[in-house]
């Protein structure tokens, strides 16, 4: 898993590329990204499967904020990003990944 941040000099946003490796996704046929930025909608941000089996998606997020997020594997298993900036406890007694932009 990884997070790549590309800051814009002209816009008040940062392009964040979220990636789940094939090793982390296992035999998943789909991976979705959910978090503060989409009200934790489980389906609105599907990640694209790359030729090498990794999953990836890019979002423009407002600079100067932190966003909680997780990956949803095949609609049933939540996983965190092992390269997140930090982690916070959630209401389900587990953790959410956090990306700071």
C-alpha atoms as a PDB file:
ATOM      1  CA  UNK A   1       0.000   0.000   0.000  1.00  0.00           C
ATOM      2  CA  UNK A   2       1.096   3.528  -0.498  1.00  0.00           C
ATOM      3  CA  UNK A   3       0.076   7.158  -0.593  1.00  0.00           C
ATOM      4  CA  UNK A   4       1.555   9.582  -3.107  1.00  0.00           C
ATOM      5  CA  UNK A   5       0.929  13.298  -2.617  1.00  0.00           C
ATOM      6  CA  UNK A   6       1.322  15.848  -5.417  1.00  0.00           C
ATOM      7  CA  UNK A   7       0.785  19.435  -4.282  1.00  0.00           C
ATOM      8  CA  UNK A   8      -0.510  22.101  -6.646  1.00  0.00           C
ATOM      9  CA  UNK A   9       1.094  25.540  -6.585  1.00  0.00           C
ATOM     10  CA  UNK A  10      -1.941  27.105  -8.246  1.00  0.00           C
ATOM     11  CA  UNK A  11      -4.798  25.311  -6.463  1.00  0.00           C
ATOM     12  CA  UNK A  12      -5.606  24.891  -2.760  1.00  0.00           C
ATOM     13  CA  UNK A  13      -5.584  21.126  -3.232  1.00  0.00           C
ATOM     14  CA  UNK A  14      -3.319  18.112  -3.228  1.00  0.00           C
ATOM     15  CA  UNK A  15      -3.670  15.133  -5.575  1.00  0.00           C
ATOM     16  CA  UNK A  16      -3.400  12.009  -3.450  1.00  0.00           C
ATOM     17  CA  UNK A  17      -2.933   8.646  -5.128  1.00  0.00           C
ATOM     18  CA  UNK A  18      -4.060   5.739  -2.974  1.00  0.00           C
ATOM     19  CA  UNK A  19      -2.674   2.324  -3.894  1.00  0.00           C
ATOM     20  CA  UNK A  20      -3.343  -1.179  -2.563  1.00  0.00           C
ATOM     21  CA  UNK A  21      -0.819  -3.761  -3.689  1.00  0.00           C
ATOM     22  CA  UNK A  22      -1.808  -7.125  -5.092  1.00  0.00           C
ATOM     23  CA  UNK A  23      -0.187  -8.736  -2.051  1.00  0.00           C
ATOM     24  CA  UNK A  24      -2.387  -6.705   0.296  1.00  0.00           C
ATOM     25  CA  UNK A  25      -5.546  -7.126  -1.793  1.00  0.00           C
ATOM     26  CA  UNK A  26      -5.128 -10.891  -2.082  1.00  0.00           C
ATOM     27  CA  UNK A  27      -7.587 -12.381  -4.528  1.00  0.00           C
ATOM     28  CA  UNK A  28      -9.877  -9.339  -4.438  1.00  0.00           C
ATOM     29  CA  UNK A  29     -11.962  -8.615  -7.491  1.00  0.00           C
ATOM     30  CA  UNK A  30     -12.702  -5.073  -6.310  1.00  0.00           C
ATOM     31  CA  UNK A  31     -11.422  -2.538  -3.820  1.00  0.00           C
ATOM     32  CA  UNK A  32     -13.197   0.670  -2.818  1.00  0.00           C
ATOM     33  CA  UNK A  33     -11.868   3.693  -0.970  1.00  0.00           C
ATOM     34  CA  UNK A  34     -14.051   5.208   1.749  1.00  0.00           C
ATOM     35  CA  UNK A  35     -13.435   8.017   4.198  1.00  0.00           C
ATOM     36  CA  UNK A  36     -14.289  11.488   5.447  1.00  0.00           C
ATOM     37  CA  UNK A  37     -14.031  12.838   1.895  1.00  0.00           C
ATOM     38  CA  UNK A  38     -17.044  10.795   0.686  1.00  0.00           C
ATOM     39  CA  UNK A  39     -19.043  10.371   3.917  1.00  0.00           C
ATOM     40  CA  UNK A  40     -17.792   6.782   4.183  1.00  0.00           C
ATOM     41  CA  UNK A  41     -19.757   5.726   1.103  1.00  0.00           C
ATOM     42  CA  UNK A  42     -18.713   2.117   0.472  1.00  0.00           C
ATOM     43  CA  UNK A  43     -19.210   2.273  -3.305  1.00  0.00           C
ATOM     44  CA  UNK A  44     -18.671   5.814  -4.613  1.00  0.00           C
ATOM     45  CA  UNK A  45     -14.884   5.521  -5.073  1.00  0.00           C
ATOM     46  CA  UNK A  46     -13.991   2.249  -6.797  1.00  0.00           C
ATOM     47  CA  UNK A  47     -10.280   1.681  -7.276  1.00  0.00           C
ATOM     48  CA  UNK A  48      -8.972   0.647 -10.683  1.00  0.00           C
ATOM     49  CA  UNK A  49      -7.211  -2.698 -10.969  1.00  0.00           C
ATOM     50  CA  UNK A  50      -3.857  -2.222 -12.686  1.00  0.00           C
ATOM     51  CA  UNK A  51      -2.202  -4.749 -15.000  1.00  0.00           C
ATOM     52  CA  UNK A  52       0.094  -5.919 -12.191  1.00  0.00           C
ATOM     53  CA  UNK A  53      -2.886  -6.644  -9.888  1.00  0.00           C
ATOM     54  CA  UNK A  54      -2.515  -3.534  -7.712  1.00  0.00           C
ATOM     55  CA  UNK A  55      -5.509  -1.227  -7.179  1.00  0.00           C
ATOM     56  CA  UNK A  56      -5.222   2.562  -7.470  1.00  0.00           C
ATOM     57  CA  UNK A  57      -7.273   5.755  -7.411  1.00  0.00           C
ATOM     58  CA  UNK A  58      -6.400   9.467  -7.204  1.00  0.00           C
ATOM     59  CA  UNK A  59      -8.378  12.222  -5.463  1.00  0.00           C
ATOM     60  CA  UNK A  60      -7.927  15.972  -5.170  1.00  0.00           C
ATOM     61  CA  UNK A  61      -8.141  16.850  -1.467  1.00  0.00           C
ATOM     62  CA  UNK A  62      -8.138  20.273   0.154  1.00  0.00           C
ATOM     63  CA  UNK A  63      -4.744  21.241   1.580  1.00  0.00           C
ATOM     64  CA  UNK A  64      -4.279  21.859   5.291  1.00  0.00           C
ATOM     65  CA  UNK A  65      -6.600  19.072   6.422  1.00  0.00           C
ATOM     66  CA  UNK A  66      -6.439  15.498   7.670  1.00  0.00           C
ATOM     67  CA  UNK A  67      -8.731  12.815   6.280  1.00  0.00           C
ATOM     68  CA  UNK A  68      -9.623   9.448   7.799  1.00  0.00           C
ATOM     69  CA  UNK A  69     -10.012   6.564   5.354  1.00  0.00           C
ATOM     70  CA  UNK A  70      -9.941   2.805   4.855  1.00  0.00           C
ATOM     71  CA  UNK A  71     -10.005   0.361   1.956  1.00  0.00           C
ATOM     72  CA  UNK A  72     -12.948  -2.025   1.498  1.00  0.00           C
ATOM     73  CA  UNK A  73     -12.030  -5.350  -0.096  1.00  0.00           C
ATOM     74  CA  UNK A  74     -14.808  -7.094  -2.059  1.00  0.00           C
ATOM     75  CA  UNK A  75     -17.467  -5.223  -0.086  1.00  0.00           C
ATOM     76  CA  UNK A  76     -16.789  -7.029   3.174  1.00  0.00           C
ATOM     77  CA  UNK A  77     -13.265  -6.627   4.597  1.00  0.00           C
ATOM     78  CA  UNK A  78     -11.865  -3.295   5.804  1.00  0.00           C
ATOM     79  CA  UNK A  79      -8.101  -2.750   5.770  1.00  0.00           C
ATOM     80  CA  UNK A  80      -5.865   0.190   6.620  1.00  0.00           C
ATOM     81  CA  UNK A  81      -2.989   1.650   4.657  1.00  0.00           C
ATOM     82  CA  UNK A  82       0.301   0.587   6.240  1.00  0.00           C
ATOM     83  CA  UNK A  83       1.914   3.815   4.990  1.00  0.00           C
ATOM     84  CA  UNK A  84      -0.728   6.207   6.370  1.00  0.00           C
ATOM     85  CA  UNK A  85       0.483   9.359   8.081  1.00  0.00           C
ATOM     86  CA  UNK A  86      -1.133   8.225  11.340  1.00  0.00           C
ATOM     87  CA  UNK A  87      -4.034   6.181  12.694  1.00  0.00           C
ATOM     88  CA  UNK A  88      -6.996   7.071  14.925  1.00  0.00           C
ATOM     89  CA  UNK A  89      -9.441   4.938  16.870  1.00  0.00           C
ATOM     90  CA  UNK A  90     -12.907   4.695  15.387  1.00  0.00           C
ATOM     91  CA  UNK A  91     -16.322   3.960  16.894  1.00  0.00           C
ATOM     92  CA  UNK A  92     -15.970   0.257  16.027  1.00  0.00           C
ATOM     93  CA  UNK A  93     -12.950  -0.174  18.351  1.00  0.00           C
ATOM     94  CA  UNK A  94     -10.505  -0.479  15.461  1.00  0.00           C
ATOM     95  CA  UNK A  95      -8.415   2.122  13.675  1.00  0.00           C
ATOM     96  CA  UNK A  96      -8.789   4.319  10.617  1.00  0.00           C
ATOM     97  CA  UNK A  97      -5.865   5.408   8.451  1.00  0.00           C
ATOM     98  CA  UNK A  98      -5.222   9.144   8.252  1.00  0.00           C
ATOM     99  CA  UNK A  99      -3.686  11.127   5.383  1.00  0.00           C
ATOM    100  CA  UNK A 100      -2.557  14.684   6.122  1.00  0.00           C
ATOM    101  CA  UNK A 101      -2.417  17.099   3.199  1.00  0.00           C
END
